[in-house]
Amino acid sequence: MTAQLSFPRLLAPLRFYAVVPDAAWVERMVVAGAPTVQLRAKNLSGAALQAEIARSVAAAHGTATQLFINDHWQEAMAAGAYGVHLGQEDMDTADLAALAKAGLRLGISTHSDDELARALAVRPSYVACGAIFPTTTKNMPTAPQGLERLRRYVQAAGDTPTVAIGGIDLANARAVLATGVSSLAVVRAVTEAENPTAVVQQFRALWDNERA
C-alpha cells in the first residue's frame, strides 16, 4: 500500500531548481553551480532517451547538483539516477515501491489541497506546488495558485520540502521565498536567458541574501 512507502531524504536543500530540456542544458547548469536540476525531456524515447538520461546522470555524478529525471522513472532507475519527478497521473502507473526500494528520491507535482495530500501520503522526498503564476511552458490543469495558497501548502507539507514552480523569475522570486517555500523552480527564466549562468548566480545570491 502507498501509505507504507517512504522515500529517502534529500542530501542537501534543493534551493534554486532549474528545469531544462536536454543533457547539454543539464551539463551547463551543473557547471553553473545550480543546486538542483531536472531533466524534462518530453520528445525523446527509446535509445535516444536512455542516452540523454545517462549523459545527464554522468554530468551530475560527483558534483553538488541534485539531478531529477522527469516522468521516465524506469529509465532513470536503470541509469542509477539520484531522483525522479512525477506528475499526479504518473502516480497511477509508476512502480513507486520499486523506486523506493532502489533508493531514488521522489518529487511529485501538486496543484491543489487534494493532490498535495495524495502526494504526501507516499512520503516523497519533496512536493512541487504550482503553477504559482501564469506560465506558458505547459498546459496547466488548474488556475494559477498564487502566493497565499502556496503559503498554505508549505504549512500543510510540514517537514517535507516544498518547491514552487510556474512563472517564477528574478522579479518575483523574493515574494515567493517569503512564503517559506523550500525551493524555487524555473524553466524560462534560465532557458530563455541571454546569460543562463549569470541567472543561476543571481538566483543563488538572492537565496543567500533572503535566507541568511
Protein backbone atom coordinates (compact mmCIF):
# COMPACT_ATOMS: atom_id res chain seq x y z
CA MET A 1 0.00 0.00 0.00
CA THR A 2 1.23 3.52 -0.76
CA ALA A 3 0.81 4.56 2.86
CA GLN A 4 3.71 2.25 3.73
CA LEU A 5 6.09 3.84 1.25
CA SER A 6 8.85 6.22 2.25
CA PHE A 7 11.47 7.83 0.04
CA PRO A 8 14.98 8.93 1.00
CA ARG A 9 15.53 12.41 2.29
CA LEU A 10 17.45 14.86 0.15
CA LEU A 11 21.20 15.02 0.60
CA ALA A 12 21.08 18.82 0.59
CA PRO A 13 18.46 21.60 0.41
CA LEU A 14 17.01 21.95 -3.09
CA ARG A 15 17.26 25.76 -3.14
CA PHE A 16 17.43 27.00 -6.74
CA TYR A 17 15.95 24.39 -9.10
CA ALA A 18 16.48 24.59 -12.89
CA VAL A 19 14.16 22.59 -15.17
CA VAL A 20 15.85 22.02 -18.53
CA PRO A 21 15.09 20.15 -21.78
CA ASP A 22 18.21 18.12 -22.55
CA ALA A 23 21.53 16.78 -21.31
CA ALA A 24 23.50 19.69 -22.75
CA TRP A 25 21.46 22.02 -20.57
CA VAL A 26 21.98 19.74 -17.57
CA GLU A 27 25.74 19.95 -18.13
CA ARG A 28 25.52 23.73 -18.43
CA MET A 29 23.58 24.03 -15.18
CA VAL A 30 25.95 21.71 -13.29
CA VAL A 31 28.92 23.84 -14.38
CA ALA A 32 26.99 26.98 -13.38
CA GLY A 33 26.51 25.55 -9.89
CA ALA A 34 22.75 25.04 -9.86
CA PRO A 35 21.93 23.18 -6.61
CA THR A 36 19.13 21.18 -8.26
CA VAL A 37 18.37 20.34 -11.89
CA GLN A 38 15.54 18.45 -13.55
CA LEU A 39 15.82 16.86 -16.98
CA ARG A 40 12.45 17.29 -18.67
CA ALA A 41 12.98 15.50 -22.00
CA LYS A 42 9.47 15.39 -23.40
CA ASN A 43 10.12 14.44 -27.02
CA LEU A 44 12.52 11.53 -26.77
CA SER A 45 12.01 7.78 -26.42
CA GLY A 46 13.92 4.53 -26.71
CA ALA A 47 17.69 4.56 -27.08
CA ALA A 48 17.83 8.33 -27.57
CA LEU A 49 16.05 8.91 -24.26
CA GLN A 50 18.24 6.40 -22.46
CA ALA A 51 21.35 8.10 -23.80
CA GLU A 52 20.12 11.55 -22.77
CA ILE A 53 19.37 10.35 -19.23
CA ALA A 54 22.72 8.53 -18.96
CA ARG A 55 24.57 11.65 -20.11
CA SER A 56 22.68 13.78 -17.61
CA VAL A 57 23.32 11.38 -14.72
CA ALA A 58 27.02 11.34 -15.62
CA ALA A 59 27.12 15.14 -15.68
CA ALA A 60 25.76 15.44 -12.15
CA HIS A 61 27.65 12.49 -10.68
CA GLY A 62 30.22 13.54 -8.11
CA THR A 63 29.01 17.15 -8.05
CA ALA A 64 26.86 19.09 -5.59
CA THR A 65 23.96 19.19 -8.07
CA GLN A 66 20.95 17.02 -7.25
CA LEU A 67 19.52 15.72 -10.55
CA PHE A 68 15.92 14.60 -11.03
CA ILE A 69 14.55 12.91 -14.15
CA ASN A 70 11.04 13.97 -15.12
CA ASP A 71 8.49 11.22 -15.80
CA HIS A 72 10.78 8.50 -17.18
CA TRP A 73 11.17 6.57 -13.94
CA GLN A 74 12.14 3.22 -15.45
CA GLU A 75 14.96 4.71 -17.49
CA ALA A 76 16.03 6.82 -14.51
CA MET A 77 16.19 3.80 -12.26
CA ALA A 78 18.17 1.82 -14.87
CA ALA A 79 20.65 4.70 -15.20
CA GLY A 80 21.21 4.92 -11.45
CA ALA A 81 19.71 8.39 -11.21
CA TYR A 82 19.61 10.33 -7.95
CA GLY A 83 15.89 11.03 -8.23
CA VAL A 84 12.76 11.21 -10.33
CA HIS A 85 9.95 13.74 -10.56
CA LEU A 86 6.43 12.51 -11.28
CA GLY A 87 3.09 14.12 -12.02
CA GLN A 88 -0.16 13.12 -10.38
CA GLU A 89 -1.11 10.88 -13.30
CA ASP A 90 2.24 9.10 -13.07
CA MET A 91 1.43 8.01 -9.53
CA ASP A 92 -1.19 5.67 -11.02
CA THR A 93 1.27 3.85 -13.29
CA ALA A 94 4.76 4.14 -11.78
CA ASP A 95 6.07 1.35 -9.56
CA LEU A 96 6.59 3.52 -6.51
CA ALA A 97 7.62 0.55 -4.38
CA ALA A 98 10.40 -0.31 -6.83
CA LEU A 99 11.59 3.29 -6.86
CA ALA A 100 11.65 3.42 -3.08
CA LYS A 101 13.48 0.10 -2.86
CA ALA A 102 16.07 1.34 -5.36
CA GLY A 103 16.73 4.35 -3.14
CA LEU A 104 15.74 7.05 -5.61
CA ARG A 105 14.50 10.38 -4.29
CA LEU A 106 10.99 11.25 -5.42
CA GLY A 107 9.40 14.59 -6.18
CA ILE A 108 5.69 14.89 -7.00
CA SER A 109 3.77 17.71 -8.69
CA THR A 110 0.67 19.05 -6.94
CA HIS A 111 -1.92 21.64 -7.94
CA SER A 112 -4.48 21.56 -5.12
CA ASP A 113 -5.04 20.60 -1.48
CA ASP A 114 -6.27 17.15 -2.50
CA GLU A 115 -3.30 16.49 -4.75
CA LEU A 116 -0.93 17.68 -2.04
CA ALA A 117 -2.50 15.28 0.46
CA ARG A 118 -2.26 12.42 -2.04
CA ALA A 119 1.41 13.15 -2.68
CA LEU A 120 2.29 13.47 1.00
CA ALA A 121 0.69 10.08 1.67
CA VAL A 122 3.59 8.31 -0.10
CA ARG A 123 6.15 10.31 1.89
CA PRO A 124 8.10 11.71 -1.07
CA SER A 125 11.43 13.49 -0.86
CA TYR A 126 9.70 16.75 -1.85
CA VAL A 127 6.47 18.10 -3.30
CA ALA A 128 6.19 20.72 -6.04
CA CYS A 129 3.36 23.25 -5.87
CA GLY A 130 2.14 25.18 -8.89
CA ALA A 131 1.66 26.86 -11.09
CA ILE A 132 2.17 29.83 -8.78
CA PHE A 133 1.91 32.39 -11.58
CA PRO A 134 0.69 32.08 -15.20
CA THR A 135 3.10 30.03 -17.32
CA THR A 136 3.40 29.14 -20.99
CA THR A 137 5.76 26.17 -20.65
CA LYS A 138 2.96 23.62 -20.30
CA ASN A 139 -0.82 23.36 -20.19
CA MET A 140 -1.84 23.59 -16.55
CA PRO A 141 -4.90 21.73 -15.23
CA THR A 142 -5.72 24.49 -12.75
CA ALA A 143 -5.63 28.26 -12.49
CA PRO A 144 -2.50 29.89 -11.03
CA GLN A 145 -2.30 29.10 -7.31
CA GLY A 146 -0.89 32.41 -6.09
CA LEU A 147 1.21 33.17 -3.05
CA GLU A 148 -1.43 32.77 -0.35
CA ARG A 149 -2.23 29.22 -1.43
CA LEU A 150 1.47 28.46 -1.68
CA ARG A 151 1.92 29.63 1.90
CA ARG A 152 -0.86 27.26 2.95
CA TYR A 153 0.68 24.37 1.02
CA VAL A 154 4.05 24.99 2.69
CA GLN A 155 2.40 24.80 6.11
CA ALA A 156 0.46 21.65 5.20
CA ALA A 157 3.61 19.92 3.94
CA GLY A 158 5.24 20.19 7.35
CA ASP A 159 8.82 18.92 7.21
CA THR A 160 8.52 17.71 3.59
CA PRO A 161 10.45 20.15 1.37
CA THR A 162 8.33 22.23 -0.99
CA VAL A 163 9.14 23.53 -4.47
CA ALA A 164 7.35 26.50 -6.03
CA ILE A 165 7.09 26.39 -9.82
CA GLY A 166 5.31 28.30 -12.57
CA GLY A 167 6.07 31.80 -13.83
CA ILE A 168 8.85 32.43 -11.33
CA ASP A 169 11.65 34.82 -12.26
CA LEU A 170 14.06 37.21 -10.58
CA ALA A 171 11.39 39.91 -10.42
CA ASN A 172 9.01 37.90 -8.21
CA ALA A 173 11.41 35.48 -6.52
CA ARG A 174 11.65 37.42 -3.23
CA ALA A 175 7.88 37.37 -2.80
CA VAL A 176 7.80 33.62 -3.44
CA LEU A 177 10.59 32.96 -0.94
CA ALA A 178 8.68 34.96 1.66
CA THR A 179 6.06 32.18 1.79
CA GLY A 180 8.63 29.91 3.43
CA VAL A 181 8.86 27.57 0.43
CA SER A 182 11.98 25.39 0.34
CA SER A 183 12.89 25.84 -3.32
CA LEU A 184 12.22 27.93 -6.43
CA ALA A 185 11.97 26.05 -9.73
CA VAL A 186 12.29 27.89 -13.03
CA VAL A 187 12.15 26.98 -16.70
CA ARG A 188 12.06 30.02 -18.99
CA ALA A 189 13.98 32.24 -16.54
CA VAL A 190 17.01 30.09 -17.38
CA THR A 191 16.39 28.55 -20.81
CA GLU A 192 15.39 31.86 -22.40
CA ALA A 193 18.01 33.95 -20.64
CA GLU A 194 20.74 35.72 -22.57
CA ASN A 195 23.25 34.56 -19.96
CA PRO A 196 21.91 31.49 -18.13
CA THR A 197 25.00 31.14 -15.94
CA ALA A 198 24.57 34.68 -14.67
CA VAL A 199 20.91 33.96 -13.90
CA VAL A 200 21.87 30.93 -11.81
CA GLN A 201 24.36 33.07 -9.90
CA GLN A 202 21.77 35.80 -9.35
CA PHE A 203 19.23 33.32 -8.01
CA ARG A 204 21.83 31.77 -5.73
CA ALA A 205 22.84 35.20 -4.41
CA LEU A 206 19.20 36.13 -3.88
CA TRP A 207 18.64 32.93 -1.95
CA ASP A 208 21.65 33.52 0.26
CA ASN A 209 20.56 37.08 0.99
CA GLU A 210 16.91 36.25 1.72
CA ARG A 211 17.61 33.18 3.82
CA ALA A 212 20.78 34.37 5.57
